[in-house]
């Protein structure tokens, strides 16, 4: 099973969008699934209020855990993390026209741009491609 399939399977089992994406990268982040599950829980449902898509928020979590040097006194990786997130969000918007959950789900327009599983697959694919170099 590839990472996209794993993430969709997690979503179907009850994980929210953010948990599904983030937990499929636990080994990449060097973190245990329970901790990642807890960290990503409030990011689902567009941070609980249909704001930023949970799959996009999970991309940020994975990027930080993979790219940050963790140096709280003099962080040297902040700009690289920001640059990576800019690239990831631009690509996500190119695929889905938005990073806002309510817009993607068509809450006000009735025009659904992408399913949650589709957003999850896109987020995993983008992280694999741009963060890990896996095509």
N, C-alpha and C. Protein backbone atom coordinates (compact mmCIF):
# COMPACT_ATOMS: atom_id res chain seq x y z
N UNK A 1 0.85 -1.18 0.00
CA UNK A 1 0.00 0.00 0.00
C UNK A 1 0.89 1.24 0.00
N UNK A 2 0.63 2.16 -0.92
CA UNK A 2 1.43 3.38 -0.94
C UNK A 2 0.88 4.39 0.07
N UNK A 3 1.59 5.48 0.24
CA UNK A 3 1.24 6.46 1.27
C UNK A 3 -0.14 7.10 1.02
N UNK A 4 -0.47 7.37 -0.25
CA UNK A 4 -1.79 7.94 -0.55
C UNK A 4 -2.90 6.98 -0.16
N UNK A 5 -2.73 5.72 -0.49
CA UNK A 5 -3.73 4.70 -0.12
C UNK A 5 -3.84 4.58 1.39
N UNK A 6 -2.72 4.62 2.07
CA UNK A 6 -2.72 4.54 3.52
C UNK A 6 -3.49 5.72 4.12
N UNK A 7 -3.23 6.91 3.61
CA UNK A 7 -3.89 8.11 4.14
C UNK A 7 -5.40 8.05 3.92
N UNK A 8 -5.84 7.62 2.75
CA UNK A 8 -7.28 7.50 2.48
C UNK A 8 -7.89 6.43 3.38
N UNK A 9 -7.17 5.33 3.57
CA UNK A 9 -7.66 4.28 4.46
C UNK A 9 -7.83 4.81 5.89
N UNK A 10 -6.87 5.61 6.36
CA UNK A 10 -6.99 6.20 7.69
C UNK A 10 -8.22 7.10 7.78
N UNK A 11 -8.45 7.88 6.73
CA UNK A 11 -9.62 8.76 6.70
C UNK A 11 -10.91 7.95 6.76
N UNK A 12 -10.96 6.90 5.99
CA UNK A 12 -12.16 6.04 5.98
C UNK A 12 -12.38 5.36 7.33
N UNK A 13 -11.31 5.21 8.10
CA UNK A 13 -11.43 4.56 9.41
C UNK A 13 -11.80 5.54 10.52
N UNK A 14 -11.93 6.83 10.19
CA UNK A 14 -12.36 7.81 11.18
C UNK A 14 -11.38 8.92 11.50
N UNK A 15 -10.17 8.86 10.96
CA UNK A 15 -9.22 9.95 11.15
C UNK A 15 -9.73 11.17 10.38
N UNK A 16 -9.47 12.38 10.87
CA UNK A 16 -9.84 13.55 10.08
C UNK A 16 -8.81 13.75 8.97
N UNK A 17 -9.05 14.72 8.10
CA UNK A 17 -8.16 14.93 6.95
C UNK A 17 -6.71 15.20 7.38
N UNK A 18 -6.55 16.05 8.38
CA UNK A 18 -5.20 16.39 8.84
C UNK A 18 -4.50 15.18 9.44
N UNK A 19 -5.22 14.43 10.26
CA UNK A 19 -4.63 13.23 10.87
C UNK A 19 -4.26 12.21 9.80
N UNK A 20 -5.09 12.08 8.79
CA UNK A 20 -4.83 11.11 7.73
C UNK A 20 -3.54 11.42 6.99
N UNK A 21 -3.35 12.68 6.66
CA UNK A 21 -2.12 13.08 5.96
C UNK A 21 -0.92 12.97 6.90
N UNK A 22 -1.00 13.61 8.04
CA UNK A 22 0.15 13.66 8.96
C UNK A 22 0.56 12.27 9.43
N UNK A 23 -0.40 11.43 9.78
CA UNK A 23 -0.05 10.10 10.29
C UNK A 23 0.57 9.21 9.22
N UNK A 24 0.30 9.50 7.96
CA UNK A 24 0.94 8.70 6.91
C UNK A 24 2.42 9.08 6.72
N UNK A 25 2.86 10.14 7.41
CA UNK A 25 4.26 10.58 7.36
C UNK A 25 4.97 10.42 8.70
N UNK A 26 4.41 9.66 9.63
CA UNK A 26 5.02 9.50 10.96
C UNK A 26 6.48 9.08 10.88
N UNK A 27 6.78 8.07 10.09
CA UNK A 27 8.16 7.59 10.00
C UNK A 27 9.08 8.65 9.41
N UNK A 28 8.57 9.45 8.48
CA UNK A 28 9.37 10.52 7.87
C UNK A 28 9.71 11.59 8.92
N UNK A 29 8.75 11.87 9.79
CA UNK A 29 8.94 12.88 10.82
C UNK A 29 9.67 12.34 12.04
N UNK A 30 9.81 11.02 12.12
CA UNK A 30 10.44 10.40 13.28
C UNK A 30 9.58 10.53 14.54
N UNK A 31 8.26 10.46 14.34
CA UNK A 31 7.34 10.62 15.47
C UNK A 31 6.40 9.43 15.54
N UNK A 32 5.91 9.17 16.74
CA UNK A 32 4.98 8.06 16.90
C UNK A 32 3.58 8.49 16.47
N UNK A 33 2.79 7.54 15.98
CA UNK A 33 1.46 7.86 15.46
C UNK A 33 0.52 8.51 16.49
N UNK A 34 0.59 8.13 17.74
CA UNK A 34 -0.32 8.70 18.74
C UNK A 34 -0.05 10.20 18.93
N UNK A 35 1.21 10.58 18.98
CA UNK A 35 1.55 12.00 19.13
C UNK A 35 1.10 12.80 17.91
N UNK A 36 1.37 12.28 16.73
CA UNK A 36 0.97 12.97 15.50
C UNK A 36 -0.55 13.06 15.42
N UNK A 37 -1.24 12.01 15.79
CA UNK A 37 -2.71 12.00 15.82
C UNK A 37 -3.22 13.14 16.71
N UNK A 38 -2.63 13.28 17.89
CA UNK A 38 -3.04 14.33 18.82
C UNK A 38 -2.75 15.72 18.28
N UNK A 39 -1.56 15.90 17.71
CA UNK A 39 -1.18 17.22 17.17
C UNK A 39 -2.08 17.65 16.01
N UNK A 40 -2.49 16.69 15.20
CA UNK A 40 -3.28 17.01 14.01
C UNK A 40 -4.78 17.08 14.28
N UNK A 41 -5.23 16.58 15.41
CA UNK A 41 -6.68 16.50 15.65
C UNK A 41 -7.41 17.84 15.50
N UNK A 42 -6.93 18.94 16.09
CA UNK A 42 -7.69 20.19 15.97
C UNK A 42 -7.59 20.84 14.59
N UNK A 43 -6.77 20.29 13.70
CA UNK A 43 -6.60 20.86 12.37
C UNK A 43 -7.66 20.37 11.39
N UNK A 44 -8.38 19.31 11.76
CA UNK A 44 -9.41 18.76 10.89
C UNK A 44 -10.61 19.69 10.79
N UNK A 45 -11.45 19.42 9.77
CA UNK A 45 -12.65 20.22 9.50
C UNK A 45 -12.27 21.69 9.33
N UNK A 46 -11.13 21.91 8.65
CA UNK A 46 -10.68 23.28 8.43
C UNK A 46 -10.42 24.00 9.74
N UNK A 47 -9.61 23.39 10.59
CA UNK A 47 -9.31 23.90 11.94
C UNK A 47 -10.59 24.03 12.77
N UNK A 48 -11.50 23.10 12.54
CA UNK A 48 -12.72 23.05 13.32
C UNK A 48 -13.81 23.99 12.87
N UNK A 49 -13.51 24.87 11.91
CA UNK A 49 -14.55 25.82 11.48
C UNK A 49 -14.55 26.04 9.97
N UNK A 50 -14.07 25.05 9.23
CA UNK A 50 -14.04 25.09 7.77
C UNK A 50 -13.17 26.22 7.22
N UNK A 51 -12.09 26.52 7.96
CA UNK A 51 -11.09 27.47 7.49
C UNK A 51 -10.09 26.74 6.61
N UNK A 52 -8.81 26.89 6.90
CA UNK A 52 -7.77 26.24 6.10
C UNK A 52 -7.98 24.72 6.10
N UNK A 53 -7.97 24.15 4.93
CA UNK A 53 -8.16 22.70 4.74
C UNK A 53 -7.22 21.92 5.66
N UNK A 54 -7.76 20.89 6.31
CA UNK A 54 -6.96 20.06 7.21
C UNK A 54 -5.79 19.39 6.52
N UNK A 55 -5.97 18.99 5.27
CA UNK A 55 -4.88 18.35 4.53
C UNK A 55 -3.73 19.34 4.31
N UNK A 56 -4.08 20.60 4.07
CA UNK A 56 -3.06 21.64 3.89
C UNK A 56 -2.36 21.93 5.22
N UNK A 57 -3.14 22.02 6.29
CA UNK A 57 -2.54 22.24 7.62
C UNK A 57 -1.60 21.10 7.98
N UNK A 58 -1.98 19.89 7.62
CA UNK A 58 -1.11 18.74 7.89
C UNK A 58 0.18 18.82 7.08
N UNK A 59 0.12 19.36 5.87
CA UNK A 59 1.35 19.54 5.09
C UNK A 59 2.31 20.44 5.87
N UNK A 60 1.78 21.50 6.49
CA UNK A 60 2.63 22.41 7.26
C UNK A 60 3.26 21.68 8.45
N UNK A 61 2.48 20.85 9.11
CA UNK A 61 2.99 20.09 10.25
C UNK A 61 4.13 19.17 9.81
N UNK A 62 3.93 18.47 8.72
CA UNK A 62 4.96 17.55 8.21
C UNK A 62 6.21 18.32 7.79
N UNK A 63 6.03 19.44 7.10
CA UNK A 63 7.17 20.25 6.67
C UNK A 63 7.98 20.71 7.88
N UNK A 64 7.32 21.22 8.88
CA UNK A 64 8.03 21.68 10.08
C UNK A 64 8.80 20.56 10.75
N UNK A 65 8.17 19.42 10.88
CA UNK A 65 8.84 18.30 11.56
C UNK A 65 10.00 17.75 10.73
N UNK A 66 9.91 17.85 9.43
CA UNK A 66 10.98 17.32 8.56
C UNK A 66 12.09 18.34 8.33
N UNK A 67 11.74 19.62 8.17
CA UNK A 67 12.73 20.61 7.74
C UNK A 67 13.29 21.48 8.85
N UNK A 68 12.56 21.68 9.93
CA UNK A 68 13.03 22.59 10.97
C UNK A 68 14.25 22.02 11.68
N UNK A 69 15.18 22.90 12.01
CA UNK A 69 16.36 22.45 12.74
C UNK A 69 16.08 22.37 14.25
N UNK A 70 14.92 22.85 14.68
CA UNK A 70 14.56 22.78 16.09
C UNK A 70 15.34 23.69 17.00
N UNK A 71 16.12 24.59 16.43
CA UNK A 71 16.94 25.50 17.22
C UNK A 71 16.08 26.68 17.66
N UNK A 72 15.64 26.66 18.91
CA UNK A 72 14.75 27.71 19.40
C UNK A 72 15.47 29.03 19.66
N UNK A 73 16.78 29.01 19.84
CA UNK A 73 17.53 30.23 20.09
C UNK A 73 17.89 30.98 18.81
N UNK A 74 18.17 30.25 17.75
CA UNK A 74 18.57 30.88 16.50
C UNK A 74 18.14 30.00 15.32
N UNK A 75 16.84 29.98 15.03
CA UNK A 75 16.37 29.10 13.95
C UNK A 75 16.94 29.52 12.60
N UNK A 76 17.47 28.56 11.91
CA UNK A 76 18.07 28.84 10.61
C UNK A 76 17.23 28.29 9.46
N UNK A 77 16.14 27.61 9.79
CA UNK A 77 15.37 26.92 8.76
C UNK A 77 14.01 27.58 8.47
N UNK A 78 13.70 28.66 9.15
CA UNK A 78 12.39 29.28 9.01
C UNK A 78 12.07 29.64 7.56
N UNK A 79 13.00 30.31 6.89
CA UNK A 79 12.76 30.74 5.51
C UNK A 79 12.56 29.55 4.57
N UNK A 80 13.32 28.48 4.79
CA UNK A 80 13.18 27.29 3.96
C UNK A 80 11.81 26.64 4.17
N UNK A 81 11.36 26.61 5.42
CA UNK A 81 10.03 26.06 5.71
C UNK A 81 8.94 26.90 5.05
N UNK A 82 9.06 28.22 5.16
CA UNK A 82 8.08 29.11 4.53
C UNK A 82 8.07 28.92 3.02
N UNK A 83 9.25 28.83 2.43
CA UNK A 83 9.36 28.65 0.98
C UNK A 83 8.71 27.33 0.54
N UNK A 84 8.95 26.27 1.31
CA UNK A 84 8.35 24.99 0.98
C UNK A 84 6.83 25.06 1.08
N UNK A 85 6.31 25.72 2.13
CA UNK A 85 4.86 25.83 2.27
C UNK A 85 4.26 26.70 1.17
N UNK A 86 4.97 27.71 0.75
CA UNK A 86 4.48 28.53 -0.35
C UNK A 86 4.33 27.68 -1.60
N UNK A 87 5.34 26.87 -1.88
CA UNK A 87 5.29 26.01 -3.06
C UNK A 87 4.17 24.98 -2.94
N UNK A 88 4.05 24.36 -1.77
CA UNK A 88 3.01 23.34 -1.57
C UNK A 88 1.61 23.93 -1.69
N UNK A 89 1.39 25.09 -1.07
CA UNK A 89 0.05 25.68 -1.13
C UNK A 89 -0.28 26.17 -2.54
N UNK A 90 0.70 26.71 -3.24
CA UNK A 90 0.46 27.12 -4.63
C UNK A 90 0.06 25.92 -5.49
N UNK A 91 0.77 24.82 -5.32
CA UNK A 91 0.44 23.62 -6.08
C UNK A 91 -0.93 23.07 -5.68
N UNK A 92 -1.25 23.12 -4.39
CA UNK A 92 -2.56 22.66 -3.93
C UNK A 92 -3.66 23.52 -4.54
N UNK A 93 -3.47 24.83 -4.58
CA UNK A 93 -4.45 25.74 -5.18
C UNK A 93 -4.57 25.46 -6.69
N UNK A 94 -3.45 25.20 -7.34
CA UNK A 94 -3.50 24.86 -8.77
C UNK A 94 -4.37 23.65 -9.03
N UNK A 95 -4.34 22.70 -8.11
CA UNK A 95 -5.12 21.47 -8.25
C UNK A 95 -6.57 21.66 -7.82
N UNK A 96 -6.82 22.49 -6.81
CA UNK A 96 -8.13 22.52 -6.15
C UNK A 96 -8.80 23.88 -6.10
N UNK A 97 -8.15 24.91 -6.61
CA UNK A 97 -8.68 26.28 -6.67
C UNK A 97 -8.78 27.00 -5.33
N UNK A 98 -8.42 26.36 -4.23
CA UNK A 98 -8.52 26.99 -2.92
C UNK A 98 -7.79 26.13 -1.88
N UNK A 99 -7.48 26.75 -0.74
CA UNK A 99 -7.01 25.99 0.42
C UNK A 99 -8.01 26.13 1.57
N UNK A 100 -9.17 26.72 1.29
CA UNK A 100 -10.19 26.94 2.32
C UNK A 100 -11.21 25.81 2.25
N UNK A 101 -11.38 25.11 3.34
CA UNK A 101 -12.26 23.95 3.41
C UNK A 101 -13.68 24.26 2.91
N UNK A 102 -14.27 25.33 3.40
CA UNK A 102 -15.66 25.64 3.01
C UNK A 102 -15.78 25.93 1.52
N UNK A 103 -14.74 26.52 0.92
CA UNK A 103 -14.76 26.76 -0.52
C UNK A 103 -14.60 25.45 -1.29
N UNK A 104 -13.68 24.61 -0.85
CA UNK A 104 -13.44 23.32 -1.51
C UNK A 104 -14.69 22.45 -1.43
N UNK A 105 -15.38 22.49 -0.31
CA UNK A 105 -16.59 21.69 -0.10
C UNK A 105 -17.83 22.34 -0.69
N UNK A 106 -17.72 23.58 -1.20
CA UNK A 106 -18.85 24.25 -1.84
C UNK A 106 -19.97 24.61 -0.89
N UNK A 107 -19.62 24.91 0.36
CA UNK A 107 -20.63 25.18 1.38
C UNK A 107 -21.57 26.32 0.97
N UNK A 108 -21.04 27.39 0.43
CA UNK A 108 -21.86 28.56 0.09
C UNK A 108 -22.27 28.60 -1.38
N UNK A 109 -21.57 27.85 -2.21
CA UNK A 109 -21.84 27.90 -3.65
C UNK A 109 -22.56 26.67 -4.18
N UNK A 110 -22.48 25.57 -3.43
CA UNK A 110 -23.03 24.31 -3.91
C UNK A 110 -22.13 23.63 -4.93
N UNK A 111 -20.98 24.23 -5.23
CA UNK A 111 -20.03 23.70 -6.21
C UNK A 111 -18.85 23.06 -5.47
N UNK A 112 -18.89 21.75 -5.30
CA UNK A 112 -17.81 21.04 -4.63
C UNK A 112 -16.62 20.96 -5.57
N UNK A 113 -15.48 21.48 -5.11
CA UNK A 113 -14.27 21.51 -5.93
C UNK A 113 -13.49 20.20 -5.84
N UNK A 114 -13.55 19.54 -4.68
CA UNK A 114 -12.76 18.32 -4.47
C UNK A 114 -13.29 17.60 -3.23
N UNK A 115 -13.24 16.30 -3.24
CA UNK A 115 -13.63 15.51 -2.07
C UNK A 115 -12.53 15.59 -1.01
N UNK A 116 -12.87 15.26 0.22
CA UNK A 116 -11.85 15.20 1.27
C UNK A 116 -10.77 14.18 0.91
N UNK A 117 -11.17 13.01 0.43
CA UNK A 117 -10.18 12.01 0.05
C UNK A 117 -9.28 12.53 -1.07
N UNK A 118 -9.83 13.29 -2.01
CA UNK A 118 -9.03 13.88 -3.06
C UNK A 118 -8.02 14.87 -2.53
N UNK A 119 -8.45 15.70 -1.56
CA UNK A 119 -7.53 16.66 -0.93
C UNK A 119 -6.42 15.94 -0.18
N UNK A 120 -6.78 14.87 0.50
CA UNK A 120 -5.79 14.06 1.22
C UNK A 120 -4.77 13.48 0.24
N UNK A 121 -5.26 12.91 -0.85
CA UNK A 121 -4.35 12.35 -1.86
C UNK A 121 -3.44 13.43 -2.44
N UNK A 122 -4.00 14.59 -2.72
CA UNK A 122 -3.19 15.68 -3.28
C UNK A 122 -2.11 16.12 -2.30
N UNK A 123 -2.46 16.26 -1.02
CA UNK A 123 -1.49 16.69 -0.01
C UNK A 123 -0.36 15.68 0.12
N UNK A 124 -0.68 14.40 0.16
CA UNK A 124 0.34 13.36 0.26
C UNK A 124 1.23 13.37 -0.98
N UNK A 125 0.61 13.47 -2.14
CA UNK A 125 1.37 13.50 -3.40
C UNK A 125 2.33 14.69 -3.44
N UNK A 126 1.85 15.86 -3.01
CA UNK A 126 2.70 17.05 -3.02
C UNK A 126 3.85 16.94 -2.03
N UNK A 127 3.59 16.42 -0.85
CA UNK A 127 4.67 16.22 0.13
C UNK A 127 5.69 15.22 -0.39
N UNK A 128 5.21 14.13 -0.97
CA UNK A 128 6.13 13.14 -1.53
C UNK A 128 7.01 13.79 -2.61
N UNK A 129 6.40 14.56 -3.48
CA UNK A 129 7.12 15.15 -4.61
C UNK A 129 8.09 16.24 -4.16
N UNK A 130 7.61 17.23 -3.43
CA UNK A 130 8.42 18.41 -3.14
C UNK A 130 9.27 18.29 -1.87
N UNK A 131 8.78 17.58 -0.88
CA UNK A 131 9.54 17.45 0.37
C UNK A 131 10.50 16.26 0.32
N UNK A 132 10.03 15.16 -0.25
CA UNK A 132 10.84 13.94 -0.26
C UNK A 132 11.46 13.62 -1.61
N UNK A 133 11.05 14.30 -2.66
CA UNK A 133 11.61 14.04 -3.99
C UNK A 133 11.16 12.74 -4.61
N UNK A 134 9.98 12.25 -4.20
CA UNK A 134 9.43 11.01 -4.72
C UNK A 134 8.37 11.35 -5.75
N UNK A 135 8.55 10.88 -6.95
CA UNK A 135 7.56 11.14 -8.02
C UNK A 135 6.59 10.01 -8.13
